[in-house]
């Protein structure tokens, strides 16, 4: 029962526009709060009094049938106005260039790559793997 209340509360936070980080922090704080254990009080109610029996109601009289009503007159429905409204185009504003956040780095030094070993050379055996 308490878990479903937490989900409802979190959904209300999200609907109110709180960010997901704030909602997750609220959820974490709610999970860390222990629920107080209250003893269940014993309530002793007095016995209910005996009610008298219901009286016998007289039967309903036979009602006359409903008369046939004439159909309602149909009123003409006017056509809807044209919902398309032509808006003038918005003025084009120039977009200013963004500042360059990257700094110009110097070129990397050229390091020579050593040649690969000759494939005909015999490699020494690997040491054994001890258990």
C-alpha atoms as a PDB file:
ATOM      1  CA  UNK A   1       0.000   0.000   0.000  1.00  0.00           C
ATOM      2  CA  UNK A   2       2.792   2.421   0.896  1.00  0.00           C
ATOM      3  CA  UNK A   3       4.665   1.561  -2.301  1.00  0.00           C
ATOM      4  CA  UNK A   4       1.763   2.563  -4.531  1.00  0.00           C
ATOM      5  CA  UNK A   5       1.503   5.884  -2.688  1.00  0.00           C
ATOM      6  CA  UNK A   6       5.181   6.499  -3.467  1.00  0.00           C
ATOM      7  CA  UNK A   7       4.580   5.889  -7.175  1.00  0.00           C
ATOM      8  CA  UNK A   8       1.589   8.241  -7.167  1.00  0.00           C
ATOM      9  CA  UNK A   9       3.666  10.885  -5.397  1.00  0.00           C
ATOM     10  CA  UNK A  10       6.518  10.516  -7.895  1.00  0.00           C
ATOM     11  CA  UNK A  11       4.073  10.771 -10.804  1.00  0.00           C
ATOM     12  CA  UNK A  12       2.708  13.993  -9.300  1.00  0.00           C
ATOM     13  CA  UNK A  13       6.257  15.368  -9.052  1.00  0.00           C
ATOM     14  CA  UNK A  14       6.875  14.580 -12.713  1.00  0.00           C
ATOM     15  CA  UNK A  15       3.556  16.150 -13.759  1.00  0.00           C
ATOM     16  CA  UNK A  16       4.403  19.283 -11.780  1.00  0.00           C
ATOM     17  CA  UNK A  17       7.559  19.689 -13.840  1.00  0.00           C
ATOM     18  CA  UNK A  18      10.287  18.567 -11.474  1.00  0.00           C
ATOM     19  CA  UNK A  19      13.385  17.184 -13.153  1.00  0.00           C
ATOM     20  CA  UNK A  20      14.144  13.474 -13.105  1.00  0.00           C
ATOM     21  CA  UNK A  21      17.130  14.078 -10.827  1.00  0.00           C
ATOM     22  CA  UNK A  22      14.930  15.815  -8.256  1.00  0.00           C
ATOM     23  CA  UNK A  23      12.363  13.025  -8.494  1.00  0.00           C
ATOM     24  CA  UNK A  24      15.017  10.321  -8.058  1.00  0.00           C
ATOM     25  CA  UNK A  25      16.430  12.149  -5.024  1.00  0.00           C
ATOM     26  CA  UNK A  26      12.928  12.373  -3.563  1.00  0.00           C
ATOM     27  CA  UNK A  27      12.409   8.658  -4.213  1.00  0.00           C
ATOM     28  CA  UNK A  28      15.719   7.837  -2.532  1.00  0.00           C
ATOM     29  CA  UNK A  29      14.798   9.975   0.477  1.00  0.00           C
ATOM     30  CA  UNK A  30      11.375   8.322   0.700  1.00  0.00           C
ATOM     31  CA  UNK A  31      12.944   4.863   0.606  1.00  0.00           C
ATOM     32  CA  UNK A  32      15.280   5.743   3.483  1.00  0.00           C
ATOM     33  CA  UNK A  33      12.478   6.888   5.805  1.00  0.00           C
ATOM     34  CA  UNK A  34      11.234   3.956   7.911  1.00  0.00           C
ATOM     35  CA  UNK A  35       7.509   3.683   8.409  1.00  0.00           C
ATOM     36  CA  UNK A  36       6.539   4.038  12.078  1.00  0.00           C
ATOM     37  CA  UNK A  37       5.067   0.907  13.565  1.00  0.00           C
ATOM     38  CA  UNK A  38       1.898   1.824  15.394  1.00  0.00           C
ATOM     39  CA  UNK A  39       0.002  -0.699  17.501  1.00  0.00           C
ATOM     40  CA  UNK A  40      -3.421  -1.523  16.134  1.00  0.00           C
ATOM     41  CA  UNK A  41      -5.988  -0.117  18.572  1.00  0.00           C
ATOM     42  CA  UNK A  42      -8.755  -2.476  19.570  1.00  0.00           C
ATOM     43  CA  UNK A  43     -12.103  -0.788  19.016  1.00  0.00           C
ATOM     44  CA  UNK A  44     -15.130  -2.269  20.750  1.00  0.00           C
ATOM     45  CA  UNK A  45     -18.389  -1.181  19.140  1.00  0.00           C
ATOM     46  CA  UNK A  46     -21.768  -1.498  20.832  1.00  0.00           C
ATOM     47  CA  UNK A  47     -24.118  -4.099  19.337  1.00  0.00           C
ATOM     48  CA  UNK A  48     -26.454  -2.876  16.614  1.00  0.00           C
ATOM     49  CA  UNK A  49     -30.099  -2.506  17.644  1.00  0.00           C
ATOM     50  CA  UNK A  50     -32.677  -4.761  16.030  1.00  0.00           C
ATOM     51  CA  UNK A  51     -34.449  -2.896  13.235  1.00  0.00           C
ATOM     52  CA  UNK A  52     -38.203  -3.288  12.735  1.00  0.00           C
ATOM     53  CA  UNK A  53     -39.230  -5.163   9.573  1.00  0.00           C
ATOM     54  CA  UNK A  54     -40.038  -3.098   6.492  1.00  0.00           C
ATOM     55  CA  UNK A  55     -43.754  -2.523   5.901  1.00  0.00           C
ATOM     56  CA  UNK A  56     -45.367  -4.136   2.880  1.00  0.00           C
ATOM     57  CA  UNK A  57     -45.601  -1.540   0.135  1.00  0.00           C
ATOM     58  CA  UNK A  58     -48.733  -1.409  -2.023  1.00  0.00           C
ATOM     59  CA  UNK A  59     -48.267  -2.575  -5.609  1.00  0.00           C
ATOM     60  CA  UNK A  60     -47.651   0.063  -8.263  1.00  0.00           C
ATOM     61  CA  UNK A  61     -50.690   1.041 -10.335  1.00  0.00           C
ATOM     62  CA  UNK A  62     -50.725   0.176 -14.021  1.00  0.00           C
ATOM     63  CA  UNK A  63     -49.357   3.176 -15.864  1.00  0.00           C
ATOM     64  CA  UNK A  64     -50.740   4.175 -19.268  1.00  0.00           C
ATOM     65  CA  UNK A  65     -48.394   3.650 -22.227  1.00  0.00           C
ATOM     66  CA  UNK A  66     -46.326   6.596 -23.352  1.00  0.00           C
ATOM     67  CA  UNK A  67     -47.822   8.500 -26.272  1.00  0.00           C
ATOM     68  CA  UNK A  68     -45.991   8.514 -29.589  1.00  0.00           C
ATOM     69  CA  UNK A  69     -44.273  11.867 -29.864  1.00  0.00           C
ATOM     70  CA  UNK A  70     -43.752  13.553 -33.234  1.00  0.00           C
ATOM     71  CA  UNK A  71     -40.145  13.746 -34.413  1.00  0.00           C
ATOM     72  CA  UNK A  72     -38.270  16.906 -33.603  1.00  0.00           C
ATOM     73  CA  UNK A  73     -37.808  19.355 -36.464  1.00  0.00           C
ATOM     74  CA  UNK A  74     -34.361  19.226 -38.027  1.00  0.00           C
ATOM     75  CA  UNK A  75     -32.639  22.567 -38.036  1.00  0.00           C
ATOM     76  CA  UNK A  76     -30.078  23.236 -40.748  1.00  0.00           C
ATOM     77  CA  UNK A  77     -26.500  23.186 -39.530  1.00  0.00           C
ATOM     78  CA  UNK A  78     -24.529  26.128 -40.873  1.00  0.00           C
ATOM     79  CA  UNK A  79     -21.170  25.272 -42.449  1.00  0.00           C
ATOM     80  CA  UNK A  80     -18.091  25.800 -40.365  1.00  0.00           C
ATOM     81  CA  UNK A  81     -15.870  28.761 -41.175  1.00  0.00           C
ATOM     82  CA  UNK A  82     -12.631  28.108 -43.002  1.00  0.00           C
ATOM     83  CA  UNK A  83     -10.207  27.085 -40.216  1.00  0.00           C
ATOM     84  CA  UNK A  84      -7.082  27.771 -42.274  1.00  0.00           C
ATOM     85  CA  UNK A  85      -5.716  31.204 -41.527  1.00  0.00           C
ATOM     86  CA  UNK A  86      -2.943  32.462 -43.742  1.00  0.00           C
ATOM     87  CA  UNK A  87      -0.204  33.869 -41.569  1.00  0.00           C
ATOM     88  CA  UNK A  88       2.453  36.160 -42.976  1.00  0.00           C
ATOM     89  CA  UNK A  89       5.928  34.634 -43.012  1.00  0.00           C
ATOM     90  CA  UNK A  90       8.117  35.408 -40.063  1.00  0.00           C
ATOM     91  CA  UNK A  91      11.078  37.677 -40.703  1.00  0.00           C
ATOM     92  CA  UNK A  92      14.362  35.855 -41.208  1.00  0.00           C
ATOM     93  CA  UNK A  93      16.842  36.908 -38.570  1.00  0.00           C
ATOM     94  CA  UNK A  94      20.523  36.179 -39.085  1.00  0.00           C
ATOM     95  CA  UNK A  95      21.956  33.626 -36.703  1.00  0.00           C
ATOM     96  CA  UNK A  96      25.172  34.893 -35.134  1.00  0.00           C
ATOM     97  CA  UNK A  97      28.122  32.519 -35.418  1.00  0.00           C
ATOM     98  CA  UNK A  98      28.939  30.461 -32.377  1.00  0.00           C
ATOM     99  CA  UNK A  99      32.209  31.129 -30.584  1.00  0.00           C
ATOM    100  CA  UNK A 100      34.884  28.557 -31.286  1.00  0.00           C
ATOM    101  CA  UNK A 101      35.220  26.626 -27.993  1.00  0.00           C
ATOM    102  CA  UNK A 102      38.054  24.423 -29.274  1.00  0.00           C
ATOM    103  CA  UNK A 103      41.581  25.642 -28.957  1.00  0.00           C
ATOM    104  CA  UNK A 104      43.987  25.045 -31.807  1.00  0.00           C
ATOM    105  CA  UNK A 105      46.403  22.315 -30.801  1.00  0.00           C
ATOM    106  CA  UNK A 106      49.903  22.024 -32.231  1.00  0.00           C
ATOM    107  CA  UNK A 107      50.484  19.095 -34.573  1.00  0.00           C
ATOM    108  CA  UNK A 108      51.645  15.878 -32.986  1.00  0.00           C
ATOM    109  CA  UNK A 109      55.310  14.979 -33.391  1.00  0.00           C
ATOM    110  CA  UNK A 110      56.136  12.379 -35.998  1.00  0.00           C
ATOM    111  CA  UNK A 111      57.430   9.258 -34.284  1.00  0.00           C
ATOM    112  CA  UNK A 112      59.034   6.575 -36.464  1.00  0.00           C
ATOM    113  CA  UNK A 113      57.338   3.190 -36.327  1.00  0.00           C
ATOM    114  CA  UNK A 114      59.828   0.353 -35.811  1.00  0.00           C
ATOM    115  CA  UNK A 115      59.705  -2.445 -38.389  1.00  0.00           C
ATOM    116  CA  UNK A 116      57.903  -5.669 -37.576  1.00  0.00           C
ATOM    117  CA  UNK A 117      60.065  -8.655 -36.600  1.00  0.00           C
ATOM    118  CA  UNK A 118      61.015 -11.107 -39.296  1.00  0.00           C
ATOM    119  CA  UNK A 119      58.325 -13.835 -39.413  1.00  0.00           C
ATOM    120  CA  UNK A 120      61.004 -16.496 -39.869  1.00  0.00           C
ATOM    121  CA  UNK A 121      62.558 -15.760 -36.499  1.00  0.00           C
ATOM    122  CA  UNK A 122      61.790 -18.325 -33.821  1.00  0.00           C
ATOM    123  CA  UNK A 123      60.110 -16.930 -30.765  1.00  0.00           C
ATOM    124  CA  UNK A 124      61.108 -18.349 -27.398  1.00  0.00           C
ATOM    125  CA  UNK A 125      58.501 -20.629 -25.789  1.00  0.00           C
ATOM    126  CA  UNK A 126      56.189 -19.143 -23.199  1.00  0.00           C
ATOM    127  CA  UNK A 127      56.696 -20.138 -19.569  1.00  0.00           C
ATOM    128  CA  UNK A 128      54.258 -22.769 -18.269  1.00  0.00           C
ATOM    129  CA  UNK A 129      51.131 -21.617 -16.446  1.00  0.00           C
ATOM    130  CA  UNK A 130      51.237 -22.770 -12.852  1.00  0.00           C
ATOM    131  CA  UNK A 131      47.999 -23.797 -11.127  1.00  0.00           C
END
